[in-house]
Amino acid sequence: MITYVTIGALDSEQSGRFYDAVFDALGHDRRTEGGGWIGYGPKGGGQGFTDCHTALCPPFDGQPARAGNGIMVAYHADTAAEVDAAWAAGMAAGGTDEGPPGNRPPGTPGFYGAYLRDPTGNKIAIVATG
């Protein structure tokens, strides 16, 4: 079980606008921020980093953030419509297309996903199953 995910950001505010849009479409929002960190969790939750599932931040080692090749975080959506909305919101907020919404493999029901990169280049997926 994953407790939280930390995503390196070159510009936390720019990346924050991207994740604000994506997570809003999934029923989550910015729970806390400070010192270059931004934390996200379910809407209506607490206001501390302990209430967050995802944190954006500059890397601890002081080096520039860079996307990890082959690393991807997948976020759950309840419906295909949520996948569509989150992908569209992320694209409108500076994301880069890595695979538009659709069934994977194409034409096969049960796994509906979309893939995009944030402004730093980190790859995420939004997925509804069932």
N, C-alpha and C. Protein backbone atom coordinates (compact mmCIF):
# COMPACT_ATOMS: atom_id res chain seq x y z
N MET A 1 0.86 -1.18 0.00
CA MET A 1 0.00 0.00 0.00
C MET A 1 0.89 1.23 0.00
N ILE A 2 0.60 2.17 -0.87
CA ILE A 2 1.35 3.41 -0.95
C ILE A 2 0.76 4.42 0.04
N THR A 3 1.60 5.06 0.83
CA THR A 3 1.16 6.08 1.77
C THR A 3 1.08 7.44 1.08
N TYR A 4 2.11 7.79 0.31
CA TYR A 4 2.10 9.03 -0.47
C TYR A 4 3.13 8.94 -1.58
N VAL A 5 3.03 9.86 -2.52
CA VAL A 5 3.96 9.97 -3.64
C VAL A 5 4.53 11.37 -3.62
N THR A 6 5.84 11.50 -3.79
CA THR A 6 6.48 12.81 -3.92
C THR A 6 6.94 12.95 -5.36
N ILE A 7 6.60 14.08 -5.98
CA ILE A 7 6.95 14.34 -7.37
C ILE A 7 7.82 15.59 -7.42
N GLY A 8 9.01 15.45 -7.99
CA GLY A 8 9.92 16.59 -8.11
C GLY A 8 9.38 17.60 -9.10
N ALA A 9 9.56 18.88 -8.78
CA ALA A 9 9.07 19.95 -9.64
C ALA A 9 10.17 20.99 -9.88
N LEU A 10 10.34 21.39 -11.13
CA LEU A 10 11.25 22.48 -11.44
C LEU A 10 10.68 23.80 -10.95
N ASP A 11 9.38 23.97 -11.10
CA ASP A 11 8.65 25.16 -10.67
C ASP A 11 7.38 24.67 -9.98
N SER A 12 7.37 24.70 -8.65
CA SER A 12 6.23 24.13 -7.91
C SER A 12 4.91 24.81 -8.26
N GLU A 13 4.91 26.12 -8.44
CA GLU A 13 3.65 26.80 -8.76
C GLU A 13 3.14 26.41 -10.15
N GLN A 14 4.03 26.32 -11.13
CA GLN A 14 3.61 25.91 -12.47
C GLN A 14 3.08 24.48 -12.43
N SER A 15 3.82 23.58 -11.79
CA SER A 15 3.35 22.21 -11.66
C SER A 15 2.08 22.16 -10.82
N GLY A 16 1.99 23.03 -9.82
CA GLY A 16 0.80 23.09 -8.97
C GLY A 16 -0.46 23.40 -9.76
N ARG A 17 -0.37 24.30 -10.72
CA ARG A 17 -1.53 24.62 -11.54
C ARG A 17 -1.99 23.38 -12.34
N PHE A 18 -1.02 22.61 -12.85
CA PHE A 18 -1.33 21.37 -13.56
C PHE A 18 -2.05 20.38 -12.63
N TYR A 19 -1.47 20.11 -11.45
CA TYR A 19 -2.08 19.14 -10.53
C TYR A 19 -3.37 19.67 -9.92
N ASP A 20 -3.50 21.00 -9.72
CA ASP A 20 -4.78 21.57 -9.27
C ASP A 20 -5.88 21.15 -10.24
N ALA A 21 -5.62 21.29 -11.54
CA ALA A 21 -6.62 20.98 -12.57
C ALA A 21 -6.94 19.49 -12.62
N VAL A 22 -5.90 18.65 -12.64
CA VAL A 22 -6.10 17.21 -12.72
C VAL A 22 -6.83 16.68 -11.49
N PHE A 23 -6.35 17.05 -10.30
CA PHE A 23 -6.95 16.51 -9.08
C PHE A 23 -8.35 17.06 -8.83
N ASP A 24 -8.63 18.30 -9.24
CA ASP A 24 -9.98 18.84 -9.09
C ASP A 24 -10.98 17.96 -9.85
N ALA A 25 -10.60 17.52 -11.04
CA ALA A 25 -11.48 16.65 -11.83
C ALA A 25 -11.70 15.29 -11.17
N LEU A 26 -10.80 14.91 -10.24
CA LEU A 26 -10.90 13.63 -9.55
C LEU A 26 -11.44 13.76 -8.13
N GLY A 27 -11.86 14.98 -7.74
CA GLY A 27 -12.42 15.18 -6.39
C GLY A 27 -11.38 15.37 -5.31
N HIS A 28 -10.20 15.84 -5.69
CA HIS A 28 -9.13 16.10 -4.73
C HIS A 28 -8.66 17.54 -4.93
N ASP A 29 -8.00 18.11 -3.93
CA ASP A 29 -7.52 19.46 -4.09
C ASP A 29 -6.26 19.71 -3.28
N ARG A 30 -5.74 20.92 -3.42
CA ARG A 30 -4.54 21.35 -2.70
C ARG A 30 -4.89 21.46 -1.23
N ARG A 31 -4.23 20.64 -0.40
CA ARG A 31 -4.54 20.61 1.03
C ARG A 31 -3.61 21.53 1.82
N THR A 32 -2.38 21.70 1.34
CA THR A 32 -1.42 22.51 2.09
C THR A 32 -0.28 22.91 1.16
N GLU A 33 0.48 23.92 1.56
CA GLU A 33 1.64 24.34 0.79
C GLU A 33 2.56 25.17 1.67
N GLY A 34 3.82 25.25 1.24
CA GLY A 34 4.80 26.06 1.95
C GLY A 34 6.21 25.58 1.67
N GLY A 35 7.15 26.51 1.57
CA GLY A 35 8.54 26.16 1.36
C GLY A 35 8.81 25.45 0.05
N GLY A 36 8.02 25.75 -0.99
CA GLY A 36 8.19 25.07 -2.27
C GLY A 36 7.43 23.76 -2.36
N TRP A 37 6.77 23.36 -1.28
CA TRP A 37 6.00 22.11 -1.26
C TRP A 37 4.52 22.41 -1.46
N ILE A 38 3.82 21.52 -2.17
CA ILE A 38 2.37 21.58 -2.32
C ILE A 38 1.87 20.17 -2.10
N GLY A 39 0.86 20.02 -1.24
CA GLY A 39 0.31 18.71 -0.94
C GLY A 39 -1.15 18.60 -1.37
N TYR A 40 -1.52 17.43 -1.88
CA TYR A 40 -2.88 17.17 -2.37
C TYR A 40 -3.51 16.00 -1.65
N GLY A 41 -4.83 16.10 -1.44
CA GLY A 41 -5.60 15.03 -0.83
C GLY A 41 -7.07 15.18 -1.16
N PRO A 42 -7.91 14.29 -0.64
CA PRO A 42 -9.34 14.35 -0.94
C PRO A 42 -9.95 15.66 -0.45
N LYS A 43 -10.87 16.19 -1.26
CA LYS A 43 -11.58 17.41 -0.86
C LYS A 43 -12.27 17.17 0.47
N GLY A 44 -12.22 18.15 1.35
CA GLY A 44 -12.86 18.05 2.65
C GLY A 44 -11.97 17.41 3.70
N GLY A 45 -10.76 17.00 3.33
CA GLY A 45 -9.85 16.38 4.29
C GLY A 45 -9.13 17.43 5.13
N GLY A 46 -8.17 16.98 5.91
CA GLY A 46 -7.39 17.86 6.77
C GLY A 46 -6.48 18.78 5.98
N GLN A 47 -5.85 19.70 6.70
CA GLN A 47 -5.03 20.73 6.05
C GLN A 47 -3.55 20.56 6.31
N GLY A 48 -3.06 19.36 6.53
CA GLY A 48 -1.64 19.15 6.76
C GLY A 48 -1.07 18.15 5.79
N PHE A 49 0.26 18.06 5.75
CA PHE A 49 0.88 17.10 4.85
C PHE A 49 0.55 15.67 5.21
N THR A 50 0.16 15.41 6.45
CA THR A 50 -0.22 14.04 6.82
C THR A 50 -1.55 13.64 6.18
N ASP A 51 -2.28 14.61 5.61
CA ASP A 51 -3.55 14.33 4.96
C ASP A 51 -3.43 14.30 3.44
N CYS A 52 -2.20 14.18 2.94
CA CYS A 52 -1.94 14.25 1.51
C CYS A 52 -1.50 12.91 0.94
N HIS A 53 -1.91 12.64 -0.29
CA HIS A 53 -1.45 11.44 -1.00
C HIS A 53 -0.34 11.78 -2.00
N THR A 54 -0.23 13.06 -2.39
CA THR A 54 0.78 13.48 -3.35
C THR A 54 1.37 14.80 -2.92
N ALA A 55 2.69 14.91 -2.99
CA ALA A 55 3.37 16.17 -2.68
C ALA A 55 4.27 16.55 -3.85
N LEU A 56 4.25 17.82 -4.22
CA LEU A 56 5.17 18.38 -5.21
C LEU A 56 6.24 19.15 -4.45
N CYS A 57 7.49 19.06 -4.91
CA CYS A 57 8.55 19.77 -4.20
C CYS A 57 9.82 19.79 -5.04
N PRO A 58 10.71 20.73 -4.71
CA PRO A 58 12.04 20.66 -5.32
C PRO A 58 12.78 19.46 -4.71
N PRO A 59 13.65 18.79 -5.45
CA PRO A 59 14.38 17.65 -4.90
C PRO A 59 15.22 18.02 -3.67
N PHE A 60 15.29 17.10 -2.74
CA PHE A 60 16.02 17.30 -1.48
C PHE A 60 17.50 17.55 -1.72
N ASP A 61 18.08 16.94 -2.77
CA ASP A 61 19.52 17.09 -2.99
C ASP A 61 19.91 18.43 -3.61
N GLY A 62 18.92 19.29 -3.89
CA GLY A 62 19.21 20.61 -4.42
C GLY A 62 19.45 20.64 -5.92
N GLN A 63 19.47 19.48 -6.56
CA GLN A 63 19.66 19.40 -8.00
C GLN A 63 18.32 19.66 -8.70
N PRO A 64 18.36 20.06 -9.97
CA PRO A 64 17.09 20.30 -10.68
C PRO A 64 16.26 19.02 -10.78
N ALA A 65 14.95 19.18 -10.66
CA ALA A 65 14.04 18.05 -10.85
C ALA A 65 14.10 17.62 -12.31
N ARG A 66 13.97 16.32 -12.54
CA ARG A 66 13.89 15.79 -13.88
C ARG A 66 13.01 14.55 -13.83
N ALA A 67 12.31 14.34 -14.90
CA ALA A 67 11.40 13.19 -14.95
C ALA A 67 12.19 11.90 -15.04
N GLY A 68 11.74 10.89 -14.33
CA GLY A 68 12.38 9.58 -14.37
C GLY A 68 11.86 8.78 -15.55
N ASN A 69 12.74 8.34 -16.41
CA ASN A 69 12.34 7.56 -17.56
C ASN A 69 11.83 6.20 -17.10
N GLY A 70 10.61 5.88 -17.45
CA GLY A 70 10.01 4.60 -17.06
C GLY A 70 9.23 4.65 -15.76
N ILE A 71 9.26 5.78 -15.06
CA ILE A 71 8.50 5.92 -13.81
C ILE A 71 7.18 6.63 -14.14
N MET A 72 6.08 6.08 -13.63
CA MET A 72 4.77 6.68 -13.84
C MET A 72 3.92 6.42 -12.61
N VAL A 73 3.16 7.42 -12.23
CA VAL A 73 2.20 7.28 -11.14
C VAL A 73 0.82 7.25 -11.77
N ALA A 74 -0.01 6.28 -11.38
CA ALA A 74 -1.37 6.18 -11.89
C ALA A 74 -2.36 6.56 -10.79
N TYR A 75 -3.29 7.46 -11.13
CA TYR A 75 -4.32 7.91 -10.19
C TYR A 75 -5.66 7.33 -10.59
N HIS A 76 -6.42 6.90 -9.58
CA HIS A 76 -7.72 6.27 -9.76
C HIS A 76 -8.79 7.30 -10.10
N ALA A 77 -9.64 6.96 -11.05
CA ALA A 77 -10.85 7.70 -11.35
C ALA A 77 -12.02 6.74 -11.19
N ASP A 78 -13.16 7.26 -10.81
CA ASP A 78 -14.33 6.40 -10.63
C ASP A 78 -14.99 6.03 -11.94
N THR A 79 -14.89 6.91 -12.94
CA THR A 79 -15.59 6.69 -14.21
C THR A 79 -14.71 7.12 -15.38
N ALA A 80 -15.09 6.66 -16.58
CA ALA A 80 -14.41 7.10 -17.79
C ALA A 80 -14.56 8.61 -17.97
N ALA A 81 -15.71 9.16 -17.58
CA ALA A 81 -15.92 10.61 -17.69
C ALA A 81 -14.92 11.37 -16.82
N GLU A 82 -14.60 10.84 -15.63
CA GLU A 82 -13.58 11.48 -14.78
C GLU A 82 -12.20 11.40 -15.44
N VAL A 83 -11.89 10.28 -16.07
CA VAL A 83 -10.62 10.16 -16.80
C VAL A 83 -10.56 11.24 -17.87
N ASP A 84 -11.62 11.36 -18.66
CA ASP A 84 -11.67 12.36 -19.73
C ASP A 84 -11.48 13.76 -19.17
N ALA A 85 -12.19 14.07 -18.08
CA ALA A 85 -12.12 15.41 -17.49
C ALA A 85 -10.74 15.72 -16.93
N ALA A 86 -10.14 14.75 -16.25
CA ALA A 86 -8.81 14.97 -15.66
C ALA A 86 -7.76 15.15 -16.74
N TRP A 87 -7.83 14.34 -17.81
CA TRP A 87 -6.88 14.46 -18.91
C TRP A 87 -7.03 15.82 -19.58
N ALA A 88 -8.26 16.22 -19.87
CA ALA A 88 -8.51 17.51 -20.52
C ALA A 88 -8.05 18.67 -19.65
N ALA A 89 -8.31 18.58 -18.35
CA ALA A 89 -7.89 19.64 -17.43
C ALA A 89 -6.37 19.73 -17.37
N GLY A 90 -5.71 18.59 -17.31
CA GLY A 90 -4.25 18.57 -17.28
C GLY A 90 -3.64 19.13 -18.56
N MET A 91 -4.22 18.77 -19.69
CA MET A 91 -3.74 19.30 -20.97
C MET A 91 -3.92 20.81 -21.02
N ALA A 92 -5.06 21.31 -20.57
CA ALA A 92 -5.33 22.75 -20.58
C ALA A 92 -4.43 23.51 -19.61
N ALA A 93 -3.90 22.80 -18.61
CA ALA A 93 -3.05 23.43 -17.59
C ALA A 93 -1.56 23.19 -17.84
N GLY A 94 -1.19 22.93 -19.08
CA GLY A 94 0.23 22.82 -19.41
C GLY A 94 0.76 21.42 -19.56
N GLY A 95 -0.09 20.41 -19.53
CA GLY A 95 0.36 19.04 -19.70
C GLY A 95 0.69 18.70 -21.14
N THR A 96 1.36 17.58 -21.32
CA THR A 96 1.74 17.08 -22.63
C THR A 96 1.13 15.70 -22.81
N ASP A 97 0.51 15.47 -23.97
CA ASP A 97 -0.18 14.22 -24.25
C ASP A 97 0.80 13.06 -24.35
N GLU A 98 0.50 11.98 -23.62
CA GLU A 98 1.26 10.72 -23.72
C GLU A 98 0.34 9.57 -24.08
N GLY A 99 -0.90 9.86 -24.38
CA GLY A 99 -1.89 8.85 -24.75
C GLY A 99 -3.26 9.31 -24.33
N PRO A 100 -4.13 9.68 -25.29
CA PRO A 100 -5.44 10.21 -24.95
C PRO A 100 -6.34 9.16 -24.30
N PRO A 101 -7.43 9.62 -23.69
CA PRO A 101 -8.34 8.68 -23.03
C PRO A 101 -8.85 7.61 -23.98
N GLY A 102 -8.93 6.40 -23.44
CA GLY A 102 -9.47 5.29 -24.21
C GLY A 102 -9.24 3.97 -23.51
N ASN A 103 -9.84 2.93 -24.05
CA ASN A 103 -9.65 1.59 -23.50
C ASN A 103 -8.26 1.08 -23.85
N ARG A 104 -7.66 0.36 -22.94
CA ARG A 104 -6.35 -0.24 -23.15
C ARG A 104 -6.48 -1.74 -22.90
N PRO A 105 -6.06 -2.59 -23.83
CA PRO A 105 -5.74 -2.24 -25.20
C PRO A 105 -6.98 -1.70 -25.90
N PRO A 106 -6.79 -0.93 -26.99
CA PRO A 106 -7.92 -0.33 -27.69
C PRO A 106 -9.01 -1.36 -28.02
N GLY A 107 -10.25 -0.95 -27.80
CA GLY A 107 -11.38 -1.82 -28.09
C GLY A 107 -11.69 -2.85 -27.02
N THR A 108 -10.90 -2.89 -25.95
CA THR A 108 -11.09 -3.85 -24.88
C THR A 108 -11.66 -3.15 -23.65
N PRO A 109 -12.85 -3.53 -23.19
CA PRO A 109 -13.42 -2.88 -22.00
C PRO A 109 -12.71 -3.33 -20.73
N GLY A 110 -12.89 -2.55 -19.67
CA GLY A 110 -12.38 -2.93 -18.35
C GLY A 110 -11.23 -2.10 -17.85
N PHE A 111 -10.49 -1.45 -18.75
CA PHE A 111 -9.37 -0.59 -18.34
C PHE A 111 -9.40 0.63 -19.23
N TYR A 112 -9.87 1.75 -18.68
CA TYR A 112 -9.98 3.00 -19.42
C TYR A 112 -8.99 3.97 -18.83
N GLY A 113 -8.04 4.42 -19.63
CA GLY A 113 -6.99 5.27 -19.09
C GLY A 113 -6.57 6.38 -20.03
N ALA A 114 -5.85 7.33 -19.47
CA ALA A 114 -5.25 8.43 -20.23
C ALA A 114 -3.89 8.72 -19.61
N TYR A 115 -2.97 9.20 -20.44
CA TYR A 115 -1.59 9.41 -20.01
C TYR A 115 -1.13 10.81 -20.42
N LEU A 116 -0.44 11.48 -19.51
CA LEU A 116 0.09 12.79 -19.81
C LEU A 116 1.29 13.10 -18.94
N ARG A 117 2.03 14.13 -19.32
CA ARG A 117 3.19 14.58 -18.56
C ARG A 117 2.90 15.95 -17.97
N ASP A 118 3.40 16.16 -16.74
CA ASP A 118 3.26 17.46 -16.10
C ASP A 118 4.30 18.43 -16.67
N PRO A 119 4.30 19.70 -16.24
CA PRO A 119 5.25 20.66 -16.80
C PRO A 119 6.73 20.32 -16.59
N THR A 120 7.06 19.51 -15.59
CA THR A 120 8.45 19.08 -15.39
C THR A 120 8.81 17.89 -16.27
N GLY A 121 7.80 17.17 -16.76
CA GLY A 121 8.02 16.00 -17.61
C GLY A 121 7.69 14.69 -16.94
N ASN A 122 7.19 14.73 -15.69
CA ASN A 122 6.78 13.50 -14.99
C ASN A 122 5.54 12.93 -15.65
N LYS A 123 5.53 11.61 -15.87
CA LYS A 123 4.41 10.96 -16.52
C LYS A 123 3.42 10.46 -15.48
N ILE A 124 2.12 10.74 -15.72
CA ILE A 124 1.06 10.23 -14.86
C ILE A 124 0.01 9.55 -15.74
N ALA A 125 -0.78 8.72 -15.10
CA ALA A 125 -1.91 8.08 -15.74
C ALA A 125 -3.14 8.35 -14.89
N ILE A 126 -4.27 8.43 -15.54
CA ILE A 126 -5.57 8.51 -14.86
C ILE A 126 -6.33 7.29 -15.36
N VAL A 127 -6.82 6.44 -14.44
CA VAL A 127 -7.38 5.15 -14.83
C VAL A 127 -8.69 4.84 -14.11
N ALA A 128 -9.66 4.36 -14.87
CA ALA A 128 -10.88 3.80 -14.33
C ALA A 128 -10.95 2.34 -14.76
N THR A 129 -11.23 1.45 -13.84
CA THR A 129 -11.31 0.03 -14.15
C THR A 129 -12.71 -0.48 -13.83
N GLY A 130 -13.06 -1.54 -14.46
CA GLY A 130 -14.34 -2.16 -14.15
C GLY A 130 -15.24 -2.27 -15.32
